[in-house]
Amino acid sequence: MVLARGLAVCALYVAAGKLGLSLALVHASATPVWPPTGIALAALLVFGMRMWPAVFVGAFLVNVTTAESVPTSLAIAAGNTIEALAGAELTGLFARGRHFVDRAWDFVKFSVLAGVLSTAASATIGVTALVLSGSAAWTSYTMIWFTWWLGDGSGALIVTPVLVLWAARPRRVDRRRSLEATVLTVVLIATSMVVFGGGWLNLPVRNYPLSFLTLPPLMWAAFRLGPRAAATCTLLLAAIAVWGTVHDFGPFVLPTNHESLVLLRGFLATIAVTTLTVALVVAERARARAEVEAANRAKDEFLAIVSHELRTPLNAVVGWTSMLRSGELDPATTAKALETIERNAQLQANLIEDLLDVSRMVLGQMTLDRSPVPLAPIVNAAVDGLRPAAEAKNVTPGSRIDANPTVLGDVTRLQQIVSNLVANAVKFTPAGERVHVSLTR
């Protein structure tokens, strides 16, 4: 499986690299369109760092079959691999790894760390290798470096989110959403063709500054269809925009194709970050709203259970109190009534204390007073305290104490824990059976 994935990543890297280098104008090894960076980052984030050899081999093959010598190709491949490793490591440390596409702030951190900082490593190593080998002049260093860095950065920002999002577990397909996604795709393609393919369509808008027309479909995807659709639409727009600009269509056409593509990639990188950030903010708000609604439902269910649990011992107290006030009970029944009232009053007090504990935990005010605590007395007290309730259910309680270990803990909380365990055992044990508690070291 690992080998197959590695071969697939390598093949995809080489294919995308050849496509990117076909648009290299300032130098044969430097292009403003470089999707392999996004492929390498996604592979390392999704499949793990063990995919780095596939990235290295793919980068080497792309360059050695283009115009570079073996040593220069090895240096460039090393730079590309270091870039991917650094981007994936920084994303894992500061942006939750492959889950950077779950929250807007994590995506912003990914954009800076993997899209801006780590890509500088590949550009620096690669361009330095070119000038040291004599393949490029020192006077061209800055221009080649900027082109290289922009191509890698835009590849990371546009391609990586799409691959990571689609690698995640697919959600159930909604027919209405599928229809809406289809309509959106048609609208986006039509709009992109008007903006970047007006000349090909023989429209009188060959190079009009209409790039703003692409924003409504992207925002539609961000607000209505989620991060995956938003990132995919951005990639689709990028493909059409690059094709149109290369053919001298669209608002980013300048005197040379190189200048046109550099300006276009800056625009697309900005659009990619903006669109996906908006989509993630919308998704976060939707999740927060769903969590609030779930919490409200849980609160209602909790209150219903609590009211029932509080009412049960209260009914027993009220009932036996009324019978005592009648004065018609014999001494044995009176003793039983008083015992039942005391037991249910204590049960209600315990329930109220549990509610207060829940409130303290929610507020972060729960404290533990730790000290050496012998466990045997706690177990014995729990069993003895619940013996009347067990006998009322015709359940036989028992305990076996083989040791009396001392632990470091809060005596009150330990009593609650053991009492709750024994109480639940009594509550859910059928009549006529036994509840047995053992304590051993």
Protein backbone atom coordinates (compact mmCIF):
# COMPACT_ATOMS: atom_id res chain seq x y z
CA MET A 1 0.00 0.00 0.00
CA VAL A 2 2.79 2.43 0.92
CA LEU A 3 4.70 1.62 -2.28
CA ALA A 4 1.60 2.03 -4.42
CA ARG A 5 0.82 5.38 -2.84
CA GLY A 6 4.41 6.48 -3.28
CA LEU A 7 4.38 5.58 -6.97
CA ALA A 8 1.06 7.39 -7.45
CA VAL A 9 2.37 10.52 -5.71
CA CYS A 10 5.58 10.41 -7.76
CA ALA A 11 3.70 10.00 -11.05
CA LEU A 12 1.26 12.79 -10.22
CA TYR A 13 4.16 15.03 -9.17
CA VAL A 14 5.99 14.43 -12.45
CA ALA A 15 2.88 15.03 -14.58
CA ALA A 16 2.01 18.24 -12.75
CA GLY A 17 5.65 19.35 -12.85
CA LYS A 18 5.88 18.90 -16.61
CA LEU A 19 2.67 20.90 -17.00
CA GLY A 20 4.05 23.67 -14.79
CA LEU A 21 7.43 23.84 -16.52
CA SER A 22 5.71 24.15 -19.89
CA LEU A 23 4.88 27.66 -18.72
CA ALA A 24 8.44 28.46 -17.56
CA LEU A 25 9.54 31.64 -19.32
CA VAL A 26 12.08 33.43 -17.11
CA HIS A 27 14.08 30.17 -16.78
CA ALA A 28 13.49 26.56 -17.84
CA SER A 29 13.30 25.44 -14.18
CA ALA A 30 11.35 28.36 -12.74
CA THR A 31 7.65 28.83 -13.38
CA PRO A 32 4.92 30.89 -11.73
CA VAL A 33 2.60 27.86 -12.07
CA TRP A 34 3.82 24.97 -9.92
CA PRO A 35 1.09 22.56 -8.71
CA PRO A 36 3.58 19.91 -7.46
CA THR A 37 4.14 21.87 -4.25
CA GLY A 38 0.48 21.41 -3.38
CA ILE A 39 0.63 17.72 -4.31
CA ALA A 40 3.73 17.11 -2.16
CA LEU A 41 2.30 18.93 0.86
CA ALA A 42 -1.01 17.09 0.61
CA ALA A 43 0.75 13.72 0.30
CA LEU A 44 2.83 14.31 3.43
CA LEU A 45 -0.13 15.63 5.41
CA VAL A 46 -2.51 12.83 4.41
CA PHE A 47 -0.19 9.82 4.14
CA GLY A 48 2.58 10.89 6.53
CA MET A 49 6.19 11.99 6.29
CA ARG A 50 7.20 8.60 4.86
CA MET A 51 6.06 9.89 1.46
CA TRP A 52 9.10 12.17 1.17
CA PRO A 53 11.08 9.76 -1.09
CA ALA A 54 8.25 9.92 -3.63
CA VAL A 55 8.47 13.72 -3.58
CA PHE A 56 12.25 13.64 -3.96
CA VAL A 57 12.19 11.17 -6.87
CA GLY A 58 9.39 13.05 -8.60
CA ALA A 59 11.19 16.39 -8.30
CA PHE A 60 14.43 14.84 -9.56
CA LEU A 61 12.76 13.26 -12.59
CA VAL A 62 10.99 16.48 -13.52
CA ASN A 63 14.20 18.49 -13.55
CA VAL A 64 16.65 15.94 -14.93
CA THR A 65 14.37 15.35 -17.93
CA THR A 66 13.97 19.07 -18.56
CA ALA A 67 17.23 20.94 -18.96
CA GLU A 68 19.32 20.43 -15.83
CA SER A 69 22.32 18.26 -15.00
CA VAL A 70 22.14 15.42 -12.49
CA PRO A 71 23.87 17.37 -9.65
CA THR A 72 21.65 20.42 -10.19
CA SER A 73 18.55 18.25 -10.40
CA LEU A 74 19.50 16.53 -7.15
CA ALA A 75 19.94 19.91 -5.44
CA ILE A 76 16.58 21.15 -6.73
CA ALA A 77 14.90 17.90 -5.68
CA ALA A 78 16.42 18.26 -2.22
CA GLY A 79 15.08 21.82 -1.99
CA ASN A 80 11.60 20.76 -3.06
CA THR A 81 11.61 17.89 -0.55
CA ILE A 82 12.82 20.13 2.28
CA GLU A 83 10.09 22.60 1.38
CA ALA A 84 7.39 19.91 1.61
CA LEU A 85 8.79 18.45 4.84
CA ALA A 86 9.10 21.86 6.46
CA GLY A 87 5.60 22.88 5.37
CA ALA A 88 4.06 19.64 6.64
CA GLU A 89 5.98 19.78 9.93
CA LEU A 90 5.08 23.42 10.60
CA THR A 91 1.47 22.71 9.74
CA GLY A 92 1.46 19.76 12.12
CA LEU A 93 2.99 21.78 14.93
CA PHE A 94 0.94 24.95 14.64
CA ALA A 95 -2.11 24.29 12.43
CA ARG A 96 -3.35 20.80 13.46
CA GLY A 97 -1.79 18.95 10.52
CA ARG A 98 -4.21 17.67 7.90
CA HIS A 99 -7.04 19.23 9.90
CA PHE A 100 -5.88 22.75 9.00
CA VAL A 101 -8.90 22.88 6.69
CA ASP A 102 -11.30 22.54 9.63
CA ARG A 103 -10.86 26.00 11.14
CA ALA A 104 -10.24 29.41 9.60
CA TRP A 105 -7.43 30.36 11.96
CA ASP A 106 -5.58 27.10 11.28
CA PHE A 107 -5.87 27.70 7.54
CA VAL A 108 -4.48 31.22 7.95
CA LYS A 109 -1.52 29.77 9.85
CA PHE A 110 -1.05 27.15 7.13
CA SER A 111 -1.09 29.88 4.49
CA VAL A 112 1.71 31.75 6.23
CA LEU A 113 3.82 28.76 7.32
CA ALA A 114 3.46 26.46 4.31
CA GLY A 115 2.45 28.93 1.62
CA VAL A 116 4.91 31.73 2.41
CA LEU A 117 7.74 30.58 4.67
CA SER A 118 8.54 26.98 3.73
CA THR A 119 8.33 27.73 -0.01
CA ALA A 120 11.21 30.18 0.40
CA ALA A 121 13.48 27.20 1.15
CA SER A 122 12.87 25.56 -2.22
CA ALA A 123 13.27 28.84 -4.09
CA THR A 124 16.53 29.67 -2.31
CA ILE A 125 18.09 26.21 -2.70
CA GLY A 126 16.89 25.79 -6.27
CA VAL A 127 17.95 29.17 -7.63
CA THR A 128 21.29 29.01 -5.82
CA ALA A 129 21.92 25.62 -7.45
CA LEU A 130 21.08 27.10 -10.86
CA VAL A 131 23.49 30.03 -10.57
CA LEU A 132 26.30 27.92 -9.07
CA SER A 133 26.00 25.44 -11.93
CA GLY A 134 26.10 28.24 -14.46
CA SER A 135 22.57 27.55 -15.65
CA ALA A 136 21.46 31.03 -14.61
CA ALA A 137 23.19 34.36 -14.10
CA TRP A 138 23.55 36.03 -10.71
CA THR A 139 21.95 39.14 -12.17
CA SER A 140 18.75 37.13 -12.72
CA TYR A 141 18.73 35.66 -9.21
CA THR A 142 16.03 37.92 -7.77
CA MET A 143 13.66 37.57 -10.72
CA ILE A 144 14.02 33.77 -10.86
CA TRP A 145 13.72 33.48 -7.07
CA PHE A 146 10.51 35.51 -6.95
CA THR A 147 8.98 33.53 -9.82
CA TRP A 148 9.95 30.24 -8.18
CA TRP A 149 8.64 31.29 -4.76
CA LEU A 150 5.34 32.62 -6.16
CA GLY A 151 4.75 29.45 -8.17
CA ASP A 152 5.38 27.21 -5.16
CA GLY A 153 3.36 29.39 -2.79
CA SER A 154 0.33 29.60 -5.05
CA GLY A 155 0.53 25.84 -5.65
CA ALA A 156 0.43 25.22 -1.89
CA LEU A 157 -2.49 27.61 -1.32
CA ILE A 158 -4.62 26.48 -4.26
CA VAL A 159 -3.89 22.75 -4.65
CA THR A 160 -3.18 21.46 -1.12
CA PRO A 161 -6.57 22.35 0.44
CA VAL A 162 -8.46 20.68 -2.41
CA LEU A 163 -6.54 17.41 -2.12
CA VAL A 164 -6.71 17.31 1.69
CA LEU A 165 -10.43 18.08 1.73
CA TRP A 166 -11.24 15.43 -0.86
CA ALA A 167 -9.04 12.89 0.95
CA ALA A 168 -11.24 13.22 4.02
CA ARG A 169 -14.11 10.82 4.63
CA PRO A 170 -16.87 11.70 2.13
CA ARG A 171 -20.15 12.92 3.50
CA ARG A 172 -23.53 11.56 2.47
CA VAL A 173 -24.55 13.01 -0.88
CA ASP A 174 -27.52 15.35 -0.70
CA ARG A 175 -29.45 15.44 -3.98
CA ARG A 176 -30.47 19.07 -3.53
CA ARG A 177 -26.90 20.09 -2.75
CA SER A 178 -25.65 18.08 -5.73
CA LEU A 179 -28.03 19.96 -8.02
CA GLU A 180 -26.97 23.27 -6.53
CA ALA A 181 -23.30 22.32 -6.96
CA THR A 182 -23.93 21.47 -10.61
CA VAL A 183 -25.62 24.81 -11.24
CA LEU A 184 -22.78 26.61 -9.46
CA THR A 185 -20.18 24.82 -11.57
CA VAL A 186 -21.94 25.87 -14.78
CA VAL A 187 -22.19 29.48 -13.57
CA LEU A 188 -18.53 29.54 -12.52
CA ILE A 189 -17.30 28.11 -15.82
CA ALA A 190 -19.47 30.54 -17.80
CA THR A 191 -18.30 33.51 -15.74
CA SER A 192 -14.64 32.45 -15.93
CA MET A 193 -14.87 32.05 -19.69
CA VAL A 194 -16.35 35.52 -20.04
CA VAL A 195 -13.52 36.99 -17.93
CA PHE A 196 -10.61 34.91 -19.25
CA GLY A 197 -11.85 33.59 -22.57
CA GLY A 198 -13.70 36.50 -24.11
CA GLY A 199 -11.46 36.53 -27.17
CA TRP A 200 -11.92 32.83 -27.79
CA LEU A 201 -15.69 33.29 -27.51
CA ASN A 202 -15.53 36.29 -29.85
CA LEU A 203 -16.93 38.54 -27.15
CA PRO A 204 -16.08 42.25 -27.15
CA VAL A 205 -14.47 41.89 -23.70
CA ARG A 206 -11.16 40.25 -24.58
CA ASN A 207 -9.06 42.03 -21.96
CA TYR A 208 -11.55 44.00 -19.92
CA PRO A 209 -10.84 44.27 -16.16
CA LEU A 210 -13.70 41.95 -15.18
CA SER A 211 -11.94 39.78 -12.60
CA PHE A 212 -14.43 40.93 -9.94
CA LEU A 213 -17.14 38.91 -11.71
CA THR A 214 -15.55 35.71 -10.41
CA LEU A 215 -16.19 36.65 -6.78
CA PRO A 216 -19.98 36.00 -6.58
CA PRO A 217 -19.75 32.32 -7.65
CA LEU A 218 -16.87 31.76 -5.21
CA MET A 219 -18.80 33.37 -2.36
CA TRP A 220 -21.82 31.30 -3.34
CA ALA A 221 -19.68 28.18 -2.89
CA ALA A 222 -18.24 29.47 0.39
CA PHE A 223 -21.57 30.35 1.99
CA ARG A 224 -23.76 27.60 0.61
CA LEU A 225 -21.68 24.51 -0.16
CA GLY A 226 -18.80 24.53 2.29
CA PRO A 227 -14.99 24.49 2.25
CA ARG A 228 -14.62 21.53 -0.13
CA ALA A 229 -16.74 23.16 -2.81
CA ALA A 230 -15.07 26.55 -2.26
CA ALA A 231 -11.56 25.12 -2.66
CA THR A 232 -12.57 23.07 -5.71
CA CYS A 233 -14.17 26.09 -7.38
CA THR A 234 -11.01 28.11 -6.76
CA LEU A 235 -8.91 25.40 -8.44
CA LEU A 236 -11.31 25.29 -11.40
CA LEU A 237 -11.13 29.07 -11.73
CA ALA A 238 -7.32 28.93 -11.56
CA ALA A 239 -7.16 26.39 -14.39
CA ILE A 240 -9.39 28.45 -16.68
CA ALA A 241 -7.60 31.69 -15.74
CA VAL A 242 -4.15 30.27 -16.52
CA TRP A 243 -5.36 28.87 -19.84
CA GLY A 244 -6.95 32.17 -20.84
CA THR A 245 -4.01 34.32 -19.75
CA VAL A 246 -1.52 32.14 -21.65
CA HIS A 247 -3.64 32.72 -24.75
CA ASP A 248 -3.67 36.50 -24.13
CA PHE A 249 -7.25 36.60 -22.85
CA GLY A 250 -8.35 38.26 -19.64
CA PRO A 251 -7.61 41.25 -17.42
CA PHE A 252 -4.07 40.18 -16.45
CA VAL A 253 -2.51 40.23 -19.92
CA LEU A 254 0.72 42.28 -19.90
CA PRO A 255 3.44 42.76 -22.53
CA THR A 256 5.01 39.37 -21.72
CA ASN A 257 3.44 36.06 -20.71
CA HIS A 258 5.77 35.84 -17.73
CA GLU A 259 4.54 39.14 -16.30
CA SER A 260 0.95 38.13 -17.01
CA LEU A 261 1.28 34.81 -15.17
CA VAL A 262 3.08 36.36 -12.18
CA LEU A 263 0.30 38.92 -11.76
CA LEU A 264 -2.38 36.27 -12.26
CA ARG A 265 -0.87 33.90 -9.67
CA GLY A 266 -0.78 36.69 -7.12
CA PHE A 267 -4.47 37.32 -7.77
CA LEU A 268 -5.37 33.62 -7.58
CA ALA A 269 -3.44 33.05 -4.35
CA THR A 270 -5.27 35.98 -2.76
CA ILE A 271 -8.62 34.72 -3.99
CA ALA A 272 -7.87 31.19 -2.75
CA VAL A 273 -7.01 32.34 0.77
CA THR A 274 -9.99 34.70 0.96
CA THR A 275 -12.56 32.23 -0.38
CA LEU A 276 -11.53 29.29 1.78
CA THR A 277 -11.22 31.48 4.88
CA VAL A 278 -14.78 32.71 4.39
CA ALA A 279 -15.99 29.15 3.81
CA LEU A 280 -14.29 27.94 7.00
CA VAL A 281 -15.71 30.80 9.06
CA VAL A 282 -19.20 29.97 7.79
CA ALA A 283 -18.66 26.26 8.55
CA GLU A 284 -17.41 27.06 12.06
CA ARG A 285 -20.47 29.18 12.77
CA ALA A 286 -22.74 26.40 11.51
CA ARG A 287 -20.98 23.87 13.77
CA ALA A 288 -21.21 26.25 16.73
CA ARG A 289 -24.93 26.73 16.10
CA ALA A 290 -25.44 22.97 15.90
CA GLU A 291 -23.50 22.49 19.14
CA VAL A 292 -25.61 25.11 20.90
CA GLU A 293 -28.81 23.43 19.69
CA ALA A 294 -27.51 20.03 20.84
CA ALA A 295 -26.57 21.52 24.20
CA ASN A 296 -30.06 22.96 24.57
CA ARG A 297 -31.60 19.58 23.79
CA ALA A 298 -29.25 17.89 26.26
CA LYS A 299 -30.15 20.49 28.89
CA ASP A 300 -33.87 19.84 28.41
CA GLU A 301 -33.32 16.08 28.67
CA PHE A 302 -31.12 16.59 31.74
CA LEU A 303 -33.73 18.74 33.46
CA ALA A 304 -36.41 16.14 32.72
CA ILE A 305 -34.28 13.37 34.26
CA VAL A 306 -33.32 15.51 37.25
CA SER A 307 -36.92 16.49 37.95
CA HIS A 308 -37.89 12.81 37.88
CA GLU A 309 -35.00 11.77 40.14
CA LEU A 310 -35.79 14.56 42.63
CA ARG A 311 -39.51 13.86 42.60
CA THR A 312 -39.14 10.15 43.42
CA PRO A 313 -37.66 10.51 46.95
CA LEU A 314 -39.80 13.58 47.58
CA ASN A 315 -42.98 11.58 46.88
CA ALA A 316 -41.89 8.97 49.40
CA VAL A 317 -41.18 11.63 52.03
CA VAL A 318 -44.53 13.37 51.47
CA GLY A 319 -46.48 10.09 51.45
CA TRP A 320 -45.00 8.69 54.66
CA THR A 321 -45.24 12.10 56.37
CA SER A 322 -48.99 12.22 55.65
CA MET A 323 -49.41 8.72 57.09
CA LEU A 324 -47.47 9.71 60.23
CA ARG A 325 -49.62 12.78 60.74
CA SER A 326 -52.75 10.59 60.66
CA GLY A 327 -51.58 8.97 63.92
CA GLU A 328 -52.91 5.60 62.83
CA LEU A 329 -49.60 3.76 62.40
CA ASP A 330 -48.41 1.10 64.82
CA PRO A 331 -44.88 1.44 66.31
CA ALA A 332 -43.28 -0.95 63.81
CA THR A 333 -44.78 0.85 60.82
CA THR A 334 -43.87 4.21 62.34
CA ALA A 335 -40.23 3.12 62.65
CA LYS A 336 -40.29 1.93 59.04
CA ALA A 337 -41.82 5.27 57.97
CA LEU A 338 -39.14 7.28 59.75
CA GLU A 339 -36.41 5.10 58.25
CA THR A 340 -37.87 5.53 54.74
CA ILE A 341 -38.19 9.29 55.18
CA GLU A 342 -34.60 9.55 56.39
CA ARG A 343 -33.30 7.39 53.55
CA ASN A 344 -35.13 9.34 50.83
CA ALA A 345 -34.19 12.70 52.36
CA GLN A 346 -30.54 11.62 52.29
CA LEU A 347 -30.97 10.45 48.70
CA GLN A 348 -32.38 13.82 47.72
CA ALA A 349 -29.55 15.60 49.51
CA ASN A 350 -27.06 13.49 47.55
CA LEU A 351 -28.81 14.36 44.28
CA ILE A 352 -28.65 18.05 45.07
CA GLU A 353 -24.97 17.75 45.97
CA ASP A 354 -24.35 15.99 42.66
CA LEU A 355 -26.07 18.85 40.80
CA LEU A 356 -23.89 21.34 42.63
CA ASP A 357 -20.83 19.32 41.64
CA VAL A 358 -21.91 19.42 37.99
CA SER A 359 -22.27 23.19 38.25
CA ARG A 360 -18.82 23.49 39.82
CA MET A 361 -17.27 21.38 37.07
CA VAL A 362 -18.91 23.45 34.33
CA LEU A 363 -17.59 26.63 35.95
CA GLY A 364 -14.16 25.11 36.49
CA GLN A 365 -14.45 25.50 40.25
CA MET A 366 -14.16 21.84 41.24
CA THR A 367 -11.26 21.40 43.67
CA LEU A 368 -9.69 18.27 45.12
CA ASP A 369 -8.33 18.20 48.66
CA ARG A 370 -5.86 15.34 48.44
CA SER A 371 -4.60 13.46 51.47
CA PRO A 372 -3.80 9.84 52.43
CA VAL A 373 -7.15 7.99 52.51
CA PRO A 374 -7.70 4.36 53.62
CA LEU A 375 -10.16 2.70 51.23
CA ALA A 376 -11.68 -0.03 53.42
CA PRO A 377 -13.80 2.34 55.57
CA ILE A 378 -15.08 4.05 52.42
CA VAL A 379 -16.22 0.76 50.86
CA ASN A 380 -17.81 -0.43 54.09
CA ALA A 381 -19.64 2.88 54.56
CA ALA A 382 -20.96 2.79 50.98
CA VAL A 383 -22.29 -0.76 51.35
CA ASP A 384 -23.82 -0.11 54.78
CA GLY A 385 -25.38 3.18 53.68
CA LEU A 386 -27.14 1.53 50.75
CA ARG A 387 -28.19 -1.60 52.61
CA PRO A 388 -31.73 -0.27 53.33
CA ALA A 389 -32.26 0.60 49.66
CA ALA A 390 -30.98 -2.83 48.65
CA GLU A 391 -33.23 -4.63 51.09
CA ALA A 392 -36.21 -2.59 49.92
CA LYS A 393 -35.56 -4.01 46.42
CA ASN A 394 -34.95 -7.51 47.81
CA VAL A 395 -31.32 -7.26 46.70
CA THR A 396 -28.66 -8.72 48.99
CA PRO A 397 -25.60 -6.47 49.43
CA GLY A 398 -22.24 -7.80 50.51
CA SER A 399 -18.56 -6.90 50.60
CA ARG A 400 -15.22 -8.62 50.90
CA ILE A 401 -12.31 -6.59 52.23
CA ASP A 402 -9.00 -8.36 51.69
CA ALA A 403 -6.83 -5.30 52.18
CA ASN A 404 -6.95 -1.73 53.39
CA PRO A 405 -4.71 0.18 50.98
CA THR A 406 -4.12 3.87 51.52
CA VAL A 407 -4.29 6.12 48.45
CA LEU A 408 -3.68 9.80 47.84
CA GLY A 409 -7.08 11.27 47.09
CA ASP A 410 -10.03 13.44 48.10
CA VAL A 411 -12.03 11.54 50.71
CA THR A 412 -15.31 13.22 49.77
CA ARG A 413 -14.95 12.46 46.05
CA LEU A 414 -13.85 8.89 46.72
CA GLN A 415 -16.95 8.38 48.87
CA GLN A 416 -19.08 9.75 46.02
CA ILE A 417 -17.44 7.44 43.50
CA VAL A 418 -17.90 4.26 45.53
CA SER A 419 -21.41 5.23 46.66
CA ASN A 420 -22.50 5.95 43.09
CA LEU A 421 -21.07 2.65 41.83
CA VAL A 422 -22.83 0.65 44.55
CA ALA A 423 -26.05 2.64 44.18
CA ASN A 424 -26.14 1.99 40.43
CA ALA A 425 -25.48 -1.70 41.03
CA VAL A 426 -28.39 -1.86 43.49
CA LYS A 427 -30.65 0.14 41.19
CA PHE A 428 -30.12 -2.06 38.12
CA THR A 429 -29.83 -5.46 39.80
CA PRO A 430 -33.01 -7.56 39.54
CA ALA A 431 -34.81 -8.52 42.76
CA GLY A 432 -33.57 -11.65 44.45
CA GLU A 433 -29.98 -11.30 43.26
CA ARG A 434 -26.79 -10.06 44.95
CA VAL A 435 -24.53 -7.02 44.75
CA HIS A 436 -21.02 -7.88 45.84
CA VAL A 437 -18.17 -5.39 46.38
CA SER A 438 -14.60 -6.60 46.81
CA LEU A 439 -11.49 -4.64 47.74
CA THR A 440 -8.08 -6.19 47.08
CA ARG A 441 -4.59 -4.88 46.55
